[in-house]
Amino acid sequence: LWPATEGARVTKSRYAVALPDGRTAH
């Protein structure tokens, strides 16, 4: 499927950060 996304892509690095209230921030 990847070739069909040409021209409509993002690349990123995702970090999971624990918040004081127990939630996770991405």
mmCIF file of all heavy atoms, coordinates in Angstrom:
data_MODEL
# 
_entry.id   MODEL 
# 
loop_
_atom_site.group_PDB 
_atom_site.id 
_atom_site.type_symbol 
_atom_site.label_atom_id 
_atom_site.label_alt_id 
_atom_site.label_comp_id 
_atom_site.label_asym_id 
_atom_site.label_entity_id 
_atom_site.label_seq_id 
_atom_site.pdbx_PDB_ins_code 
_atom_site.Cartn_x 
_atom_site.Cartn_y 
_atom_site.Cartn_z 
_atom_site.occupancy 
_atom_site.B_iso_or_equiv 
_atom_site.pdbx_formal_charge 
_atom_site.auth_seq_id 
_atom_site.auth_comp_id 
_atom_site.auth_asym_id 
_atom_site.auth_atom_id 
_atom_site.pdbx_PDB_model_num 
ATOM 1   N N   . LEU A 1 1  ? 0.804  -1.223 0.000  1.00 0.00 ? 1  LEU A N   1 
ATOM 2   C CA  . LEU A 1 1  ? 0.000  0.000  0.000  1.00 0.00 ? 1  LEU A CA  1 
ATOM 3   C C   . LEU A 1 1  ? 0.839  1.277  0.000  1.00 0.00 ? 1  LEU A C   1 
ATOM 4   O O   . LEU A 1 1  ? 0.388  2.319  -0.483 1.00 0.00 ? 1  LEU A O   1 
ATOM 5   C CB  . LEU A 1 1  ? -0.934 0.009  1.225  1.00 0.00 ? 1  LEU A CB  1 
ATOM 6   C CG  . LEU A 1 1  ? -2.038 -1.043 1.210  1.00 0.00 ? 1  LEU A CG  1 
ATOM 7   C CD1 . LEU A 1 1  ? -2.681 -1.143 2.585  1.00 0.00 ? 1  LEU A CD1 1 
ATOM 8   C CD2 . LEU A 1 1  ? -3.066 -0.715 0.142  1.00 0.00 ? 1  LEU A CD2 1 
ATOM 9   N N   . TRP A 1 2  ? 2.059  1.221  0.535  1.00 0.00 ? 2  TRP A N   1 
ATOM 10  C CA  . TRP A 1 2  ? 2.882  2.415  0.716  1.00 0.00 ? 2  TRP A CA  1 
ATOM 11  C C   . TRP A 1 2  ? 3.061  3.249  -0.558 1.00 0.00 ? 2  TRP A C   1 
ATOM 12  O O   . TRP A 1 2  ? 2.937  4.484  -0.519 1.00 0.00 ? 2  TRP A O   1 
ATOM 13  C CB  . TRP A 1 2  ? 4.226  2.043  1.340  1.00 0.00 ? 2  TRP A CB  1 
ATOM 14  C CG  . TRP A 1 2  ? 5.067  3.228  1.684  1.00 0.00 ? 2  TRP A CG  1 
ATOM 15  C CD1 . TRP A 1 2  ? 6.217  3.623  1.073  1.00 0.00 ? 2  TRP A CD1 1 
ATOM 16  C CD2 . TRP A 1 2  ? 4.819  4.203  2.705  1.00 0.00 ? 2  TRP A CD2 1 
ATOM 17  N NE1 . TRP A 1 2  ? 6.712  4.774  1.662  1.00 0.00 ? 2  TRP A NE1 1 
ATOM 18  C CE2 . TRP A 1 2  ? 5.861  5.144  2.665  1.00 0.00 ? 2  TRP A CE2 1 
ATOM 19  C CE3 . TRP A 1 2  ? 3.813  4.368  3.655  1.00 0.00 ? 2  TRP A CE3 1 
ATOM 20  C CZ2 . TRP A 1 2  ? 5.935  6.234  3.527  1.00 0.00 ? 2  TRP A CZ2 1 
ATOM 21  C CZ3 . TRP A 1 2  ? 3.883  5.452  4.517  1.00 0.00 ? 2  TRP A CZ3 1 
ATOM 22  C CH2 . TRP A 1 2  ? 4.927  6.369  4.451  1.00 0.00 ? 2  TRP A CH2 1 
ATOM 23  N N   . PRO A 1 3  ? 3.349  2.659  -1.722 1.00 0.00 ? 3  PRO A N   1 
ATOM 24  C CA  . PRO A 1 3  ? 3.533  3.480  -2.927 1.00 0.00 ? 3  PRO A CA  1 
ATOM 25  C C   . PRO A 1 3  ? 2.310  4.344  -3.269 1.00 0.00 ? 3  PRO A C   1 
ATOM 26  O O   . PRO A 1 3  ? 2.463  5.421  -3.852 1.00 0.00 ? 3  PRO A O   1 
ATOM 27  C CB  . PRO A 1 3  ? 3.799  2.454  -4.032 1.00 0.00 ? 3  PRO A CB  1 
ATOM 28  C CG  . PRO A 1 3  ? 4.386  1.285  -3.303 1.00 0.00 ? 3  PRO A CG  1 
ATOM 29  C CD  . PRO A 1 3  ? 3.647  1.239  -1.983 1.00 0.00 ? 3  PRO A CD  1 
ATOM 30  N N   . ALA A 1 4  ? 1.116  3.911  -2.889 1.00 0.00 ? 4  ALA A N   1 
ATOM 31  C CA  . ALA A 1 4  ? -0.105 4.672  -3.173 1.00 0.00 ? 4  ALA A CA  1 
ATOM 32  C C   . ALA A 1 4  ? -0.207 5.949  -2.338 1.00 0.00 ? 4  ALA A C   1 
ATOM 33  O O   . ALA A 1 4  ? -1.073 6.786  -2.574 1.00 0.00 ? 4  ALA A O   1 
ATOM 34  C CB  . ALA A 1 4  ? -1.337 3.797  -2.949 1.00 0.00 ? 4  ALA A CB  1 
ATOM 35  N N   . THR A 1 5  ? 0.701  6.120  -1.371 1.00 0.00 ? 5  THR A N   1 
ATOM 36  C CA  . THR A 1 5  ? 0.681  7.315  -0.518 1.00 0.00 ? 5  THR A CA  1 
ATOM 37  C C   . THR A 1 5  ? 1.668  8.385  -0.994 1.00 0.00 ? 5  THR A C   1 
ATOM 38  O O   . THR A 1 5  ? 1.806  9.412  -0.331 1.00 0.00 ? 5  THR A O   1 
ATOM 39  C CB  . THR A 1 5  ? 1.003  6.949  0.951  1.00 0.00 ? 5  THR A CB  1 
ATOM 40  O OG1 . THR A 1 5  ? 2.376  6.530  1.056  1.00 0.00 ? 5  THR A OG1 1 
ATOM 41  C CG2 . THR A 1 5  ? 0.088  5.858  1.465  1.00 0.00 ? 5  THR A CG2 1 
ATOM 42  N N   . GLU A 1 6  ? 2.307  8.156  -2.114 1.00 0.00 ? 6  GLU A N   1 
ATOM 43  C CA  . GLU A 1 6  ? 3.280  9.123  -2.647 1.00 0.00 ? 6  GLU A CA  1 
ATOM 44  C C   . GLU A 1 6  ? 2.672  10.523 -2.674 1.00 0.00 ? 6  GLU A C   1 
ATOM 45  O O   . GLU A 1 6  ? 1.558  10.718 -3.136 1.00 0.00 ? 6  GLU A O   1 
ATOM 46  C CB  . GLU A 1 6  ? 3.709  8.727  -4.066 1.00 0.00 ? 6  GLU A CB  1 
ATOM 47  C CG  . GLU A 1 6  ? 4.741  9.625  -4.675 1.00 0.00 ? 6  GLU A CG  1 
ATOM 48  C CD  . GLU A 1 6  ? 6.106  9.493  -4.036 1.00 0.00 ? 6  GLU A CD  1 
ATOM 49  O OE1 . GLU A 1 6  ? 6.488  8.367  -3.671 1.00 0.00 ? 6  GLU A OE1 1 
ATOM 50  O OE2 . GLU A 1 6  ? 6.789  10.515 -3.877 1.00 0.00 ? 6  GLU A OE2 1 
ATOM 51  N N   . GLY A 1 7  ? 3.398  11.502 -2.121 1.00 0.00 ? 7  GLY A N   1 
ATOM 52  C CA  . GLY A 1 7  ? 2.918  12.870 -2.076 1.00 0.00 ? 7  GLY A CA  1 
ATOM 53  C C   . GLY A 1 7  ? 1.999  13.177 -0.907 1.00 0.00 ? 7  GLY A C   1 
ATOM 54  O O   . GLY A 1 7  ? 1.486  14.292 -0.793 1.00 0.00 ? 7  GLY A O   1 
ATOM 55  N N   . ALA A 1 8  ? 1.784  12.192 -0.038 1.00 0.00 ? 8  ALA A N   1 
ATOM 56  C CA  . ALA A 1 8  ? 0.873  12.381 1.106  1.00 0.00 ? 8  ALA A CA  1 
ATOM 57  C C   . ALA A 1 8  ? 1.436  11.663 2.326  1.00 0.00 ? 8  ALA A C   1 
ATOM 58  O O   . ALA A 1 8  ? 0.804  10.770 2.894  1.00 0.00 ? 8  ALA A O   1 
ATOM 59  C CB  . ALA A 1 8  ? -0.515 11.863 0.760  1.00 0.00 ? 8  ALA A CB  1 
ATOM 60  N N   . ARG A 1 9  ? 2.647  12.039 2.709  1.00 0.00 ? 9  ARG A N   1 
ATOM 61  C CA  . ARG A 1 9  ? 3.345  11.330 3.782  1.00 0.00 ? 9  ARG A CA  1 
ATOM 62  C C   . ARG A 1 9  ? 3.900  12.283 4.834  1.00 0.00 ? 9  ARG A C   1 
ATOM 63  O O   . ARG A 1 9  ? 4.203  13.432 4.525  1.00 0.00 ? 9  ARG A O   1 
ATOM 64  C CB  . ARG A 1 9  ? 4.510  10.525 3.209  1.00 0.00 ? 9  ARG A CB  1 
ATOM 65  C CG  . ARG A 1 9  ? 4.098  9.458  2.245  1.00 0.00 ? 9  ARG A CG  1 
ATOM 66  C CD  . ARG A 1 9  ? 5.305  8.770  1.652  1.00 0.00 ? 9  ARG A CD  1 
ATOM 67  N NE  . ARG A 1 9  ? 4.893  7.726  0.730  1.00 0.00 ? 9  ARG A NE  1 
ATOM 68  C CZ  . ARG A 1 9  ? 5.681  7.192  -0.172 1.00 0.00 ? 9  ARG A CZ  1 
ATOM 69  N NH1 . ARG A 1 9  ? 6.949  7.592  -0.271 1.00 0.00 ? 9  ARG A NH1 1 
ATOM 70  N NH2 . ARG A 1 9  ? 5.224  6.249  -0.975 1.00 0.00 ? 9  ARG A NH2 1 
ATOM 71  N N   . VAL A 1 10 ? 4.069  11.750 6.047  1.00 0.00 ? 10 VAL A N   1 
ATOM 72  C CA  . VAL A 1 10 ? 4.831  12.416 7.093  1.00 0.00 ? 10 VAL A CA  1 
ATOM 73  C C   . VAL A 1 10 ? 5.749  11.384 7.735  1.00 0.00 ? 10 VAL A C   1 
ATOM 74  O O   . VAL A 1 10 ? 5.418  10.189 7.803  1.00 0.00 ? 10 VAL A O   1 
ATOM 75  C CB  . VAL A 1 10 ? 3.952  13.078 8.191  1.00 0.00 ? 10 VAL A CB  1 
ATOM 76  C CG1 . VAL A 1 10 ? 3.153  14.224 7.632  1.00 0.00 ? 10 VAL A CG1 1 
ATOM 77  C CG2 . VAL A 1 10 ? 3.058  12.080 8.873  1.00 0.00 ? 10 VAL A CG2 1 
ATOM 78  N N   . THR A 1 11 ? 6.907  11.854 8.158  1.00 0.00 ? 11 THR A N   1 
ATOM 79  C CA  . THR A 1 11 ? 7.811  11.019 8.945  1.00 0.00 ? 11 THR A CA  1 
ATOM 80  C C   . THR A 1 11 ? 8.118  11.788 10.223 1.00 0.00 ? 11 THR A C   1 
ATOM 81  O O   . THR A 1 11 ? 8.226  13.018 10.216 1.00 0.00 ? 11 THR A O   1 
ATOM 82  C CB  . THR A 1 11 ? 9.115  10.700 8.186  1.00 0.00 ? 11 THR A CB  1 
ATOM 83  O OG1 . THR A 1 11 ? 9.761  11.914 7.823  1.00 0.00 ? 11 THR A OG1 1 
ATOM 84  C CG2 . THR A 1 11 ? 8.851  9.851  6.954  1.00 0.00 ? 11 THR A CG2 1 
ATOM 85  N N   . LYS A 1 12 ? 8.217  11.038 11.289 1.00 0.00 ? 12 LYS A N   1 
ATOM 86  C CA  . LYS A 1 12 ? 8.418  11.660 12.592 1.00 0.00 ? 12 LYS A CA  1 
ATOM 87  C C   . LYS A 1 12 ? 8.983  10.651 13.568 1.00 0.00 ? 12 LYS A C   1 
ATOM 88  O O   . LYS A 1 12 ? 8.992  9.452  13.313 1.00 0.00 ? 12 LYS A O   1 
ATOM 89  C CB  . LYS A 1 12 ? 7.100  12.239 13.121 1.00 0.00 ? 12 LYS A CB  1 
ATOM 90  C CG  . LYS A 1 12 ? 5.954  11.211 13.174 1.00 0.00 ? 12 LYS A CG  1 
ATOM 91  C CD  . LYS A 1 12 ? 4.623  11.894 13.429 1.00 0.00 ? 12 LYS A CD  1 
ATOM 92  C CE  . LYS A 1 12 ? 3.472  10.899 13.422 1.00 0.00 ? 12 LYS A CE  1 
ATOM 93  N NZ  . LYS A 1 12 ? 2.182  11.552 13.662 1.00 0.00 ? 12 LYS A NZ  1 
ATOM 94  N N   . SER A 1 13 ? 9.450  11.162 14.681 1.00 0.00 ? 13 SER A N   1 
ATOM 95  C CA  . SER A 1 13 ? 9.871  10.332 15.803 1.00 0.00 ? 13 SER A CA  1 
ATOM 96  C C   . SER A 1 13 ? 8.852  10.562 16.909 1.00 0.00 ? 13 SER A C   1 
ATOM 97  O O   . SER A 1 13 ? 8.519  11.710 17.213 1.00 0.00 ? 13 SER A O   1 
ATOM 98  C CB  . SER A 1 13 ? 11.262 10.739 16.293 1.00 0.00 ? 13 SER A CB  1 
ATOM 99  O OG  . SER A 1 13 ? 12.211 10.503 15.278 1.00 0.00 ? 13 SER A OG  1 
ATOM 100 N N   . ARG A 1 14 ? 8.344  9.473  17.483 1.00 0.00 ? 14 ARG A N   1 
ATOM 101 C CA  . ARG A 1 14 ? 7.321  9.581  18.523 1.00 0.00 ? 14 ARG A CA  1 
ATOM 102 C C   . ARG A 1 14 ? 7.911  9.181  19.868 1.00 0.00 ? 14 ARG A C   1 
ATOM 103 O O   . ARG A 1 14 ? 8.551  8.134  19.999 1.00 0.00 ? 14 ARG A O   1 
ATOM 104 C CB  . ARG A 1 14 ? 6.129  8.704  18.186 1.00 0.00 ? 14 ARG A CB  1 
ATOM 105 C CG  . ARG A 1 14 ? 5.078  8.693  19.292 1.00 0.00 ? 14 ARG A CG  1 
ATOM 106 C CD  . ARG A 1 14 ? 3.765  8.185  18.833 1.00 0.00 ? 14 ARG A CD  1 
ATOM 107 N NE  . ARG A 1 14 ? 3.040  9.312  18.226 1.00 0.00 ? 14 ARG A NE  1 
ATOM 108 C CZ  . ARG A 1 14 ? 1.761  9.254  17.888 1.00 0.00 ? 14 ARG A CZ  1 
ATOM 109 N NH1 . ARG A 1 14 ? 1.072  8.145  18.067 1.00 0.00 ? 14 ARG A NH1 1 
ATOM 110 N NH2 . ARG A 1 14 ? 1.172  10.301 17.357 1.00 0.00 ? 14 ARG A NH2 1 
ATOM 111 N N   . TYR A 1 15 ? 7.672  10.030 20.850 1.00 0.00 ? 15 TYR A N   1 
ATOM 112 C CA  . TYR A 1 15 ? 8.121  9.803  22.225 1.00 0.00 ? 15 TYR A CA  1 
ATOM 113 C C   . TYR A 1 15 ? 6.898  9.657  23.127 1.00 0.00 ? 15 TYR A C   1 
ATOM 114 O O   . TYR A 1 15 ? 5.955  10.441 23.009 1.00 0.00 ? 15 TYR A O   1 
ATOM 115 C CB  . TYR A 1 15 ? 8.941  10.992 22.736 1.00 0.00 ? 15 TYR A CB  1 
ATOM 116 C CG  . TYR A 1 15 ? 10.194 11.279 21.955 1.00 0.00 ? 15 TYR A CG  1 
ATOM 117 C CD1 . TYR A 1 15 ? 10.151 12.000 20.773 1.00 0.00 ? 15 TYR A CD1 1 
ATOM 118 C CD2 . TYR A 1 15 ? 11.426 10.842 22.415 1.00 0.00 ? 15 TYR A CD2 1 
ATOM 119 C CE1 . TYR A 1 15 ? 11.304 12.286 20.057 1.00 0.00 ? 15 TYR A CE1 1 
ATOM 120 C CE2 . TYR A 1 15 ? 12.593 11.127 21.708 1.00 0.00 ? 15 TYR A CE2 1 
ATOM 121 C CZ  . TYR A 1 15 ? 12.518 11.846 20.533 1.00 0.00 ? 15 TYR A CZ  1 
ATOM 122 O OH  . TYR A 1 15 ? 13.668 12.124 19.842 1.00 0.00 ? 15 TYR A OH  1 
ATOM 123 N N   . ALA A 1 16 ? 6.926  8.690  24.014 1.00 0.00 ? 16 ALA A N   1 
ATOM 124 C CA  . ALA A 1 16 ? 5.874  8.532  25.019 1.00 0.00 ? 16 ALA A CA  1 
ATOM 125 C C   . ALA A 1 16 ? 6.390  9.121  26.324 1.00 0.00 ? 16 ALA A C   1 
ATOM 126 O O   . ALA A 1 16 ? 7.432  8.704  26.832 1.00 0.00 ? 16 ALA A O   1 
ATOM 127 C CB  . ALA A 1 16 ? 5.513  7.063  25.198 1.00 0.00 ? 16 ALA A CB  1 
ATOM 128 N N   . VAL A 1 17 ? 5.663  10.117 26.850 1.00 0.00 ? 17 VAL A N   1 
ATOM 129 C CA  . VAL A 1 17 ? 6.070  10.818 28.067 1.00 0.00 ? 17 VAL A CA  1 
ATOM 130 C C   . VAL A 1 17 ? 4.974  10.651 29.115 1.00 0.00 ? 17 VAL A C   1 
ATOM 131 O O   . VAL A 1 17 ? 3.810  11.013 28.862 1.00 0.00 ? 17 VAL A O   1 
ATOM 132 C CB  . VAL A 1 17 ? 6.312  12.317 27.786 1.00 0.00 ? 17 VAL A CB  1 
ATOM 133 C CG1 . VAL A 1 17 ? 6.677  13.046 29.064 1.00 0.00 ? 17 VAL A CG1 1 
ATOM 134 C CG2 . VAL A 1 17 ? 7.387  12.500 26.720 1.00 0.00 ? 17 VAL A CG2 1 
ATOM 135 N N   . ALA A 1 18 ? 5.330  10.090 30.255 1.00 0.00 ? 18 ALA A N   1 
ATOM 136 C CA  . ALA A 1 18 ? 4.362  9.929  31.348 1.00 0.00 ? 18 ALA A CA  1 
ATOM 137 C C   . ALA A 1 18 ? 4.068  11.289 31.967 1.00 0.00 ? 18 ALA A C   1 
ATOM 138 O O   . ALA A 1 18 ? 4.982  12.053 32.278 1.00 0.00 ? 18 ALA A O   1 
ATOM 139 C CB  . ALA A 1 18 ? 4.902  8.969  32.398 1.00 0.00 ? 18 ALA A CB  1 
ATOM 140 N N   . LEU A 1 19 ? 2.788  11.583 32.141 1.00 0.00 ? 19 LEU A N   1 
ATOM 141 C CA  . LEU A 1 19 ? 2.370  12.822 32.781 1.00 0.00 ? 19 LEU A CA  1 
ATOM 142 C C   . LEU A 1 19 ? 2.067  12.558 34.253 1.00 0.00 ? 19 LEU A C   1 
ATOM 143 O O   . LEU A 1 19 ? 1.747  11.416 34.625 1.00 0.00 ? 19 LEU A O   1 
ATOM 144 C CB  . LEU A 1 19 ? 1.133  13.398 32.079 1.00 0.00 ? 19 LEU A CB  1 
ATOM 145 C CG  . LEU A 1 19 ? 1.329  13.791 30.619 1.00 0.00 ? 19 LEU A CG  1 
ATOM 146 C CD1 . LEU A 1 19 ? 0.023  14.259 30.001 1.00 0.00 ? 19 LEU A CD1 1 
ATOM 147 C CD2 . LEU A 1 19 ? 2.389  14.874 30.500 1.00 0.00 ? 19 LEU A CD2 1 
ATOM 148 N N   . PRO A 1 20 ? 2.127  13.572 35.108 1.00 0.00 ? 20 PRO A N   1 
ATOM 149 C CA  . PRO A 1 20 ? 1.885  13.374 36.547 1.00 0.00 ? 20 PRO A CA  1 
ATOM 150 C C   . PRO A 1 20 ? 0.516  12.785 36.873 1.00 0.00 ? 20 PRO A C   1 
ATOM 151 O O   . PRO A 1 20 ? 0.362  12.095 37.880 1.00 0.00 ? 20 PRO A O   1 
ATOM 152 C CB  . PRO A 1 20 ? 2.015  14.790 37.124 1.00 0.00 ? 20 PRO A CB  1 
ATOM 153 C CG  . PRO A 1 20 ? 2.861  15.532 36.159 1.00 0.00 ? 20 PRO A CG  1 
ATOM 154 C CD  . PRO A 1 20 ? 2.554  14.945 34.807 1.00 0.00 ? 20 PRO A CD  1 
ATOM 155 N N   . ASP A 1 21 ? -0.489 13.018 36.016 1.00 0.00 ? 21 ASP A N   1 
ATOM 156 C CA  . ASP A 1 21 ? -1.835 12.495 36.294 1.00 0.00 ? 21 ASP A CA  1 
ATOM 157 C C   . ASP A 1 21 ? -2.016 11.050 35.836 1.00 0.00 ? 21 ASP A C   1 
ATOM 158 O O   . ASP A 1 21 ? -3.114 10.504 35.879 1.00 0.00 ? 21 ASP A O   1 
ATOM 159 C CB  . ASP A 1 21 ? -2.904 13.389 35.664 1.00 0.00 ? 21 ASP A CB  1 
ATOM 160 C CG  . ASP A 1 21 ? -2.881 13.389 34.143 1.00 0.00 ? 21 ASP A CG  1 
ATOM 161 O OD1 . ASP A 1 21 ? -2.040 12.684 33.534 1.00 0.00 ? 21 ASP A OD1 1 
ATOM 162 O OD2 . ASP A 1 21 ? -3.715 14.102 33.543 1.00 0.00 ? 21 ASP A OD2 1 
ATOM 163 N N   . GLY A 1 22 ? -0.929 10.407 35.360 1.00 0.00 ? 22 GLY A N   1 
ATOM 164 C CA  . GLY A 1 22 ? -1.003 9.012  34.926 1.00 0.00 ? 22 GLY A CA  1 
ATOM 165 C C   . GLY A 1 22 ? -1.263 8.839  33.443 1.00 0.00 ? 22 GLY A C   1 
ATOM 166 O O   . GLY A 1 22 ? -1.170 7.730  32.921 1.00 0.00 ? 22 GLY A O   1 
ATOM 167 N N   . ARG A 1 23 ? -1.581 9.890  32.751 1.00 0.00 ? 23 ARG A N   1 
ATOM 168 C CA  . ARG A 1 23 ? -1.804 9.810  31.304 1.00 0.00 ? 23 ARG A CA  1 
ATOM 169 C C   . ARG A 1 23 ? -0.457 9.776  30.582 1.00 0.00 ? 23 ARG A C   1 
ATOM 170 O O   . ARG A 1 23 ? 0.577  10.081 31.157 1.00 0.00 ? 23 ARG A O   1 
ATOM 171 C CB  . ARG A 1 23 ? -2.582 11.023 30.809 1.00 0.00 ? 23 ARG A CB  1 
ATOM 172 C CG  . ARG A 1 23 ? -3.950 11.159 31.395 1.00 0.00 ? 23 ARG A CG  1 
ATOM 173 C CD  . ARG A 1 23 ? -4.689 12.334 30.757 1.00 0.00 ? 23 ARG A CD  1 
ATOM 174 N NE  . ARG A 1 23 ? -5.750 12.815 31.612 1.00 0.00 ? 23 ARG A NE  1 
ATOM 175 C CZ  . ARG A 1 23 ? -6.890 12.176 31.842 1.00 0.00 ? 23 ARG A CZ  1 
ATOM 176 N NH1 . ARG A 1 23 ? -7.117 11.018 31.287 1.00 0.00 ? 23 ARG A NH1 1 
ATOM 177 N NH2 . ARG A 1 23 ? -7.803 12.691 32.636 1.00 0.00 ? 23 ARG A NH2 1 
ATOM 178 N N   . THR A 1 24 ? -0.517 9.431  29.305 1.00 0.00 ? 24 THR A N   1 
ATOM 179 C CA  . THR A 1 24 ? 0.676  9.439  28.466 1.00 0.00 ? 24 THR A CA  1 
ATOM 180 C C   . THR A 1 24 ? 0.529  10.511 27.407 1.00 0.00 ? 24 THR A C   1 
ATOM 181 O O   . THR A 1 24 ? -0.504 10.601 26.731 1.00 0.00 ? 24 THR A O   1 
ATOM 182 C CB  . THR A 1 24 ? 0.885  8.067  27.798 1.00 0.00 ? 24 THR A CB  1 
ATOM 183 O OG1 . THR A 1 24 ? 1.022  7.073  28.804 1.00 0.00 ? 24 THR A OG1 1 
ATOM 184 C CG2 . THR A 1 24 ? 2.112  8.065  26.904 1.00 0.00 ? 24 THR A CG2 1 
ATOM 185 N N   . ALA A 1 25 ? 1.544  11.333 27.271 1.00 0.00 ? 25 ALA A N   1 
ATOM 186 C CA  . ALA A 1 25 ? 1.612  12.324 26.207 1.00 0.00 ? 25 ALA A CA  1 
ATOM 187 C C   . ALA A 1 25 ? 2.450  11.736 25.088 1.00 0.00 ? 25 ALA A C   1 
ATOM 188 O O   . ALA A 1 25 ? 3.527  11.190 25.334 1.00 0.00 ? 25 ALA A O   1 
ATOM 189 C CB  . ALA A 1 25 ? 2.237  13.616 26.728 1.00 0.00 ? 25 ALA A CB  1 
ATOM 190 N N   . HIS A 1 26 ? 1.946  11.816 23.861 1.00 0.00 ? 26 HIS A N   1 
ATOM 191 C CA  . HIS A 1 26 ? 2.687  11.335 22.699 1.00 0.00 ? 26 HIS A CA  1 
ATOM 192 C C   . HIS A 1 26 ? 3.254  12.543 21.968 1.00 0.00 ? 26 HIS A C   1 
ATOM 193 O O   . HIS A 1 26 ? 2.500  13.333 21.384 1.00 0.00 ? 26 HIS A O   1 
ATOM 194 C CB  . HIS A 1 26 ? 1.796  10.498 21.785 1.00 0.00 ? 26 HIS A CB  1 
ATOM 195 C CG  . HIS A 1 26 ? 1.323  9.245  22.443 1.00 0.00 ? 26 HIS A CG  1 
ATOM 196 N ND1 . HIS A 1 26 ? 2.118  8.129  22.582 1.00 0.00 ? 26 HIS A ND1 1 
ATOM 197 C CD2 . HIS A 1 26 ? 0.158  8.943  23.046 1.00 0.00 ? 26 HIS A CD2 1 
ATOM 198 C CE1 . HIS A 1 26 ? 1.459  7.195  23.224 1.00 0.00 ? 26 HIS A CE1 1 
ATOM 199 N NE2 . HIS A 1 26 ? 0.272  7.669  23.528 1.00 0.00 ? 26 HIS A NE2 1 
# 
